[in-house]
Amino acid sequence: MPAKILDGTKIAQEIRAEVAAEVRNLASAGQRPGLAVVLVGHNPASEIYVRGKVKACEEVGIFSKKLDPPESVTTPEMLNLIEYLNRRDEIDGILVQLPLPPQVDAKAVLLAVDPAKDVDGFHPMNVGFLSTQRPGLVPCTPAGIMEILTRSKIPVAGREAVVVGRSDIVGKPAAMLLLNANATVTVCHSKTHDLPAVCRRADILVAAVGRAGMITRKYVKPGASVVDVGMNTVSDPTEFRRFFAGNAKREETFGQKGSTLIGDVHPEVAEVAGAITPVPGGVGPLTIAMLMFNTLKAMKMRRGSRVPEESRA
């Protein structure tokens, strides 16, 4: 029996609708969450991401401000810009689109963001809040993973969860969220001995390693729930056939575009898993939905006493 497909697009739409309803309620009381997005230079991929974030703000009613310093910007200039945004009361969230140019100290810039406005959840203070189960802002992709599991009614408490990948942005915070939800968590990486055997213990397997189709059926316990965070582009015809031979829909797309997207999980895993997130249409849409959620949450935490009672929950 093929795996149940966990529809991230549908879940993201639910979250956006919930955020939009709260934002409308706040607007009627004269309040509106605000997000500032800082995009340095003209990186085409970053421009696409930022357009998506600004569009999402428009759709849910969040005020957004895009700032685009030149490619030649210096670290002191970026720090001044962040300080200016920290001071602006109508800005509840600050998002610095990465990567930054090589002459800019990215760590110093991210550290300068007010933790109360850190909607990416990257600031060490928010990392500390997450690890000690205090209220704070949680990284968007891991938060989205938990929403998929919760809204798909996949039990987490008491289950064995394995996270493949230990990045500060996805792997570590995903492991912490699963641990906070009472799963027994193992974090794997390039030095893990006998990775397939460790993964086969998982009731919940999160793949966030950045290697196309690396997680094959030998890594997956029958009936496990598999969350694929990977987003890899396949453009080599031989590699494409290895993953998608016989898939008419994918073959048509590949023929038209010369490339297709694949996660870190091999398509064959759908024959073994109990539930699986697709790529595209799985975790990806949740990332921007949770950014909208975080901007609203940041406003409620920052401006608490000025927010109507029913929106403070």
Protein backbone atom coordinates (compact mmCIF):
# COMPACT_ATOMS: atom_id res chain seq x y z
CA MET A 1 0.00 0.00 0.00
CA PRO A 2 1.57 3.34 -1.03
CA ALA A 3 2.37 5.96 1.60
CA LYS A 4 -0.13 8.62 2.62
CA ILE A 5 0.97 11.92 1.03
CA LEU A 6 1.26 14.72 3.60
CA ASP A 7 0.03 17.77 1.68
CA GLY A 8 2.19 20.70 2.80
CA THR A 9 0.50 23.12 0.39
CA LYS A 10 -2.91 22.48 1.98
CA ILE A 11 -1.56 22.79 5.54
CA ALA A 12 0.29 26.03 4.63
CA GLN A 13 -2.98 27.46 3.25
CA GLU A 14 -4.73 26.61 6.53
CA ILE A 15 -2.04 28.42 8.54
CA ARG A 16 -2.09 31.45 6.24
CA ALA A 17 -5.89 31.65 6.56
CA GLU A 18 -5.62 31.53 10.36
CA VAL A 19 -2.95 34.28 10.35
CA ALA A 20 -5.02 36.43 7.93
CA ALA A 21 -8.08 36.15 10.20
CA GLU A 22 -6.06 37.32 13.23
CA VAL A 23 -4.46 40.14 11.24
CA ARG A 24 -7.93 41.36 10.15
CA ASN A 25 -9.02 41.32 13.79
CA LEU A 26 -5.96 43.37 14.79
CA ALA A 27 -6.46 45.80 11.90
CA SER A 28 -9.99 46.52 13.11
CA ALA A 29 -8.41 47.61 16.43
CA GLY A 30 -5.85 49.80 14.64
CA GLN A 31 -2.93 47.35 14.90
CA ARG A 32 -1.00 45.66 12.08
CA PRO A 33 2.03 43.36 12.19
CA GLY A 34 5.02 44.57 10.16
CA LEU A 35 7.89 42.67 8.51
CA ALA A 36 11.11 44.20 7.14
CA VAL A 37 13.01 42.14 4.57
CA VAL A 38 16.62 43.10 3.83
CA LEU A 39 17.93 41.93 0.44
CA VAL A 40 21.50 42.88 -0.46
CA GLY A 41 22.49 43.05 -4.14
CA HIS A 42 20.88 41.04 -6.94
CA ASN A 43 21.18 37.31 -6.23
CA PRO A 44 18.47 35.83 -8.54
CA ALA A 45 17.54 32.99 -6.15
CA SER A 46 17.33 35.38 -3.19
CA GLU A 47 15.17 37.78 -5.22
CA ILE A 48 12.70 34.95 -5.93
CA TYR A 49 12.55 34.01 -2.23
CA VAL A 50 12.02 37.62 -1.17
CA ARG A 51 9.28 38.16 -3.77
CA GLY A 52 7.48 35.12 -2.33
CA LYS A 53 7.76 36.50 1.20
CA VAL A 54 6.52 39.98 0.25
CA LYS A 55 3.61 38.47 -1.72
CA ALA A 56 2.66 36.28 1.27
CA CYS A 57 2.60 39.39 3.49
CA GLU A 58 0.22 41.11 1.06
CA GLU A 59 -2.05 38.05 1.02
CA VAL A 60 -2.41 37.81 4.82
CA GLY A 61 -2.51 41.58 5.41
CA ILE A 62 0.90 42.02 7.07
CA PHE A 63 2.69 45.32 6.39
CA SER A 64 5.99 44.62 4.63
CA LYS A 65 8.96 46.83 3.91
CA LYS A 66 11.72 45.71 1.53
CA LEU A 67 15.15 47.28 1.91
CA ASP A 68 17.80 46.66 -0.73
CA PRO A 69 21.30 47.90 0.15
CA PRO A 70 23.83 47.74 -2.72
CA GLU A 71 26.17 44.74 -3.24
CA SER A 72 29.03 46.99 -2.00
CA VAL A 73 27.47 47.50 1.46
CA THR A 74 29.85 47.25 4.44
CA THR A 75 29.34 45.52 7.78
CA PRO A 76 29.04 48.86 9.69
CA GLU A 77 26.41 50.06 7.18
CA MET A 78 24.42 46.83 7.63
CA LEU A 79 24.67 47.13 11.43
CA ASN A 80 23.35 50.70 11.23
CA LEU A 81 20.43 49.51 9.08
CA ILE A 82 19.57 46.73 11.55
CA GLU A 83 19.75 49.19 14.47
CA TYR A 84 17.34 51.51 12.59
CA LEU A 85 14.88 48.63 12.08
CA ASN A 86 15.25 47.51 15.72
CA ARG A 87 14.10 50.99 16.80
CA ARG A 88 11.06 51.16 14.51
CA ASP A 89 8.01 50.16 16.56
CA GLU A 90 5.80 49.30 13.56
CA ILE A 91 8.37 46.68 12.44
CA ASP A 92 7.75 43.46 14.39
CA GLY A 93 9.96 41.15 12.32
CA ILE A 94 13.36 41.61 10.64
CA LEU A 95 14.50 39.10 8.05
CA VAL A 96 17.99 39.34 6.53
CA GLN A 97 18.03 37.29 3.34
CA LEU A 98 21.15 35.11 3.11
CA PRO A 99 23.71 34.80 1.64
CA LEU A 100 25.26 38.20 2.29
CA PRO A 101 28.24 39.43 0.18
CA PRO A 102 31.67 38.13 1.34
CA GLN A 103 32.81 41.49 2.74
CA VAL A 104 29.87 41.53 5.21
CA ASP A 105 30.18 39.73 8.56
CA ALA A 106 26.91 37.76 8.36
CA LYS A 107 27.16 36.45 11.94
CA ALA A 108 27.58 39.97 13.34
CA VAL A 109 24.59 41.20 11.31
CA LEU A 110 22.30 38.37 12.44
CA LEU A 111 23.44 38.82 16.05
CA ALA A 112 22.52 42.53 15.86
CA VAL A 113 18.83 41.75 15.16
CA ASP A 114 16.65 42.32 18.23
CA PRO A 115 15.75 38.77 19.41
CA ALA A 116 12.13 39.94 19.80
CA LYS A 117 12.10 40.71 16.04
CA ASP A 118 14.14 37.67 14.94
CA VAL A 119 11.41 35.97 12.87
CA ASP A 120 13.95 33.48 11.46
CA GLY A 121 14.59 32.21 14.99
CA PHE A 122 18.37 32.19 14.43
CA HIS A 123 19.46 34.49 17.29
CA PRO A 124 21.30 32.63 20.11
CA MET A 125 18.72 33.99 22.57
CA ASN A 126 15.86 32.34 20.64
CA VAL A 127 17.93 29.15 20.28
CA GLY A 128 18.30 29.22 24.08
CA PHE A 129 14.57 29.80 24.55
CA LEU A 130 13.83 26.79 22.34
CA SER A 131 16.27 24.52 24.18
CA THR A 132 14.84 25.51 27.60
CA GLN A 133 11.19 25.45 26.44
CA ARG A 134 10.58 29.17 27.01
CA PRO A 135 8.38 31.29 24.71
CA GLY A 136 10.36 32.59 21.74
CA LEU A 137 10.58 32.61 17.96
CA VAL A 138 11.25 29.20 16.38
CA PRO A 139 12.99 28.69 12.98
CA CYS A 140 10.35 28.54 10.25
CA THR A 141 11.17 25.24 8.53
CA PRO A 142 11.42 23.12 11.72
CA ALA A 143 8.24 24.79 13.04
CA GLY A 144 6.59 23.84 9.73
CA ILE A 145 7.70 20.21 10.14
CA MET A 146 5.93 20.07 13.51
CA GLU A 147 2.78 21.61 12.01
CA ILE A 148 2.74 18.92 9.30
CA LEU A 149 3.02 16.16 11.92
CA THR A 150 0.46 17.71 14.28
CA ARG A 151 -2.14 18.59 11.64
CA SER A 152 -1.72 15.19 9.95
CA LYS A 153 -2.41 13.58 13.36
CA ILE A 154 0.93 11.74 13.40
CA PRO A 155 1.77 10.93 17.05
CA VAL A 156 5.12 12.27 18.26
CA ALA A 157 5.18 11.64 22.03
CA GLY A 158 6.91 8.37 22.88
CA ARG A 159 7.94 7.74 19.25
CA GLU A 160 11.48 7.27 18.00
CA ALA A 161 12.52 10.16 15.75
CA VAL A 162 15.68 10.31 13.66
CA VAL A 163 16.90 13.57 12.11
CA VAL A 164 19.48 13.25 9.32
CA GLY A 165 21.38 16.55 9.23
CA ARG A 166 22.63 18.80 12.05
CA SER A 167 22.44 22.30 10.56
CA ASP A 168 21.66 25.22 12.88
CA ILE A 169 18.77 26.20 10.59
CA VAL A 170 16.92 22.87 10.28
CA GLY A 171 18.49 19.76 11.83
CA LYS A 172 19.26 20.95 15.36
CA PRO A 173 16.05 22.97 15.92
CA ALA A 174 13.92 20.16 14.41
CA ALA A 175 15.53 17.71 16.84
CA MET A 176 14.88 20.10 19.74
CA LEU A 177 11.20 20.55 18.79
CA LEU A 178 10.73 16.78 18.52
CA LEU A 179 12.44 16.32 21.89
CA ASN A 180 10.22 19.02 23.43
CA ALA A 181 7.22 17.08 22.04
CA ASN A 182 8.44 14.00 23.98
CA ALA A 183 9.93 11.98 21.11
CA THR A 184 13.13 10.00 21.64
CA VAL A 185 15.49 11.75 19.23
CA THR A 186 18.68 10.73 17.41
CA VAL A 187 20.56 13.28 15.28
CA CYS A 188 22.68 11.81 12.46
CA HIS A 189 25.41 13.33 10.30
CA SER A 190 28.34 12.44 8.04
CA LYS A 191 30.24 10.71 10.87
CA THR A 192 27.30 8.49 11.96
CA HIS A 193 28.24 4.81 11.90
CA ASP A 194 25.86 2.60 9.83
CA LEU A 195 23.42 5.39 8.97
CA PRO A 196 20.80 3.11 7.31
CA ALA A 197 20.54 0.99 10.47
CA VAL A 198 20.05 4.06 12.69
CA CYS A 199 17.42 5.48 10.32
CA ARG A 200 15.52 2.17 10.26
CA ARG A 201 14.78 2.60 13.98
CA ALA A 202 12.72 5.72 13.26
CA ASP A 203 8.97 6.01 13.55
CA ILE A 204 9.51 9.58 12.30
CA LEU A 205 12.41 10.17 9.90
CA VAL A 206 13.38 13.76 9.02
CA ALA A 207 15.78 14.07 6.05
CA ALA A 208 17.60 17.43 5.97
CA VAL A 209 20.98 16.58 4.50
CA GLY A 210 20.96 18.35 1.09
CA ARG A 211 21.77 15.31 -1.10
CA ALA A 212 19.38 14.32 -3.87
CA GLY A 213 17.59 11.03 -3.22
CA MET A 214 20.11 9.89 -0.61
CA ILE A 215 17.51 8.27 1.67
CA THR A 216 16.50 5.06 -0.10
CA ARG A 217 14.13 2.31 1.04
CA LYS A 218 16.93 0.57 2.98
CA TYR A 219 16.93 3.55 5.38
CA VAL A 220 13.21 3.35 6.18
CA LYS A 221 11.25 1.17 8.59
CA PRO A 222 7.99 -0.02 6.96
CA GLY A 223 5.15 2.28 8.01
CA ALA A 224 7.41 5.13 9.19
CA SER A 225 6.45 8.79 8.66
CA VAL A 226 9.08 10.43 6.45
CA VAL A 227 9.55 14.22 6.30
CA ASP A 228 11.70 15.33 3.35
CA VAL A 229 13.24 18.78 3.86
CA GLY A 230 15.56 18.54 0.82
CA MET A 231 15.20 20.74 -2.25
CA ASN A 232 17.64 19.62 -4.95
CA THR A 233 17.63 20.29 -8.69
CA VAL A 234 18.25 17.35 -11.04
CA SER A 235 19.30 18.34 -14.57
CA ASP A 236 21.44 15.35 -15.63
CA PRO A 237 19.33 12.90 -17.74
CA THR A 238 21.10 9.82 -16.30
CA GLU A 239 20.46 10.98 -12.74
CA PHE A 240 16.87 11.84 -13.66
CA ARG A 241 16.24 8.31 -14.97
CA ARG A 242 17.73 6.83 -11.79
CA PHE A 243 15.04 8.58 -9.74
CA PHE A 244 12.05 8.99 -12.05
CA ALA A 245 12.18 6.37 -14.86
CA GLY A 246 8.58 5.51 -15.80
CA ASN A 247 7.07 8.57 -14.07
CA ALA A 248 5.21 10.12 -17.04
CA LYS A 249 4.38 13.40 -15.28
CA ARG A 250 7.98 13.98 -14.17
CA GLU A 251 9.30 12.98 -17.60
CA GLU A 252 7.05 15.58 -19.25
CA THR A 253 8.25 18.31 -16.87
CA PHE A 254 11.89 17.31 -17.36
CA GLY A 255 11.42 17.35 -21.14
CA GLN A 256 10.00 20.88 -21.02
CA LYS A 257 12.30 22.46 -18.42
CA GLY A 258 15.44 20.32 -18.59
CA SER A 259 15.36 19.94 -14.81
CA THR A 260 13.14 18.83 -11.95
CA LEU A 261 13.12 19.08 -8.17
CA ILE A 262 13.83 16.18 -5.85
CA GLY A 263 14.19 16.01 -2.10
CA ASP A 264 16.71 14.11 0.00
CA VAL A 265 14.40 11.07 -0.12
CA HIS A 266 14.37 8.66 -3.09
CA PRO A 267 10.87 8.32 -4.67
CA GLU A 268 10.98 4.56 -3.99
CA VAL A 269 10.55 5.28 -0.25
CA ALA A 270 6.84 5.98 -0.92
CA GLU A 271 6.46 2.20 -1.38
CA VAL A 272 7.71 1.52 2.18
CA ALA A 273 6.72 4.53 4.30
CA GLY A 274 3.37 4.92 6.00
CA ALA A 275 3.31 8.69 5.29
CA ILE A 276 5.62 10.98 3.33
CA THR A 277 5.96 14.66 2.37
CA PRO A 278 6.31 15.25 -1.39
CA VAL A 279 8.88 17.50 -3.09
CA PRO A 280 7.69 19.96 -4.21
CA GLY A 281 4.56 20.61 -2.15
CA GLY A 282 5.67 19.25 1.23
CA VAL A 283 7.79 21.17 3.74
CA GLY A 284 8.59 24.06 1.34
CA PRO A 285 5.23 25.88 1.49
CA LEU A 286 5.26 25.68 5.30
CA THR A 287 8.43 27.78 5.57
CA ILE A 288 6.78 30.99 4.32
CA ALA A 289 3.51 30.21 6.16
CA MET A 290 5.46 29.94 9.42
CA LEU A 291 7.27 33.21 8.65
CA MET A 292 3.84 34.88 8.54
CA PHE A 293 2.92 33.10 11.79
CA ASN A 294 6.20 34.23 13.42
CA THR A 295 5.67 37.87 12.39
CA LEU A 296 2.22 37.83 14.01
CA LYS A 297 3.64 36.04 17.08
CA ALA A 298 6.47 38.59 17.36
CA MET A 299 3.94 41.42 17.31
CA LYS A 300 1.85 39.78 20.05
CA MET A 301 4.93 39.15 22.22
CA ARG A 302 6.38 42.65 21.66
CA ARG A 303 3.23 44.75 21.85
CA GLY A 304 1.32 42.49 24.27
CA SER A 305 -0.57 45.11 26.26
CA ARG A 306 -1.57 46.97 23.07
CA VAL A 307 -3.00 43.90 21.31
CA PRO A 308 -6.74 43.09 21.70
CA GLU A 309 -7.36 40.33 24.29
CA GLU A 310 -8.71 37.73 21.82
CA SER A 311 -5.52 37.93 19.69
CA ARG A 312 -3.09 37.38 22.57
CA ALA A 313 -3.61 33.63 22.87
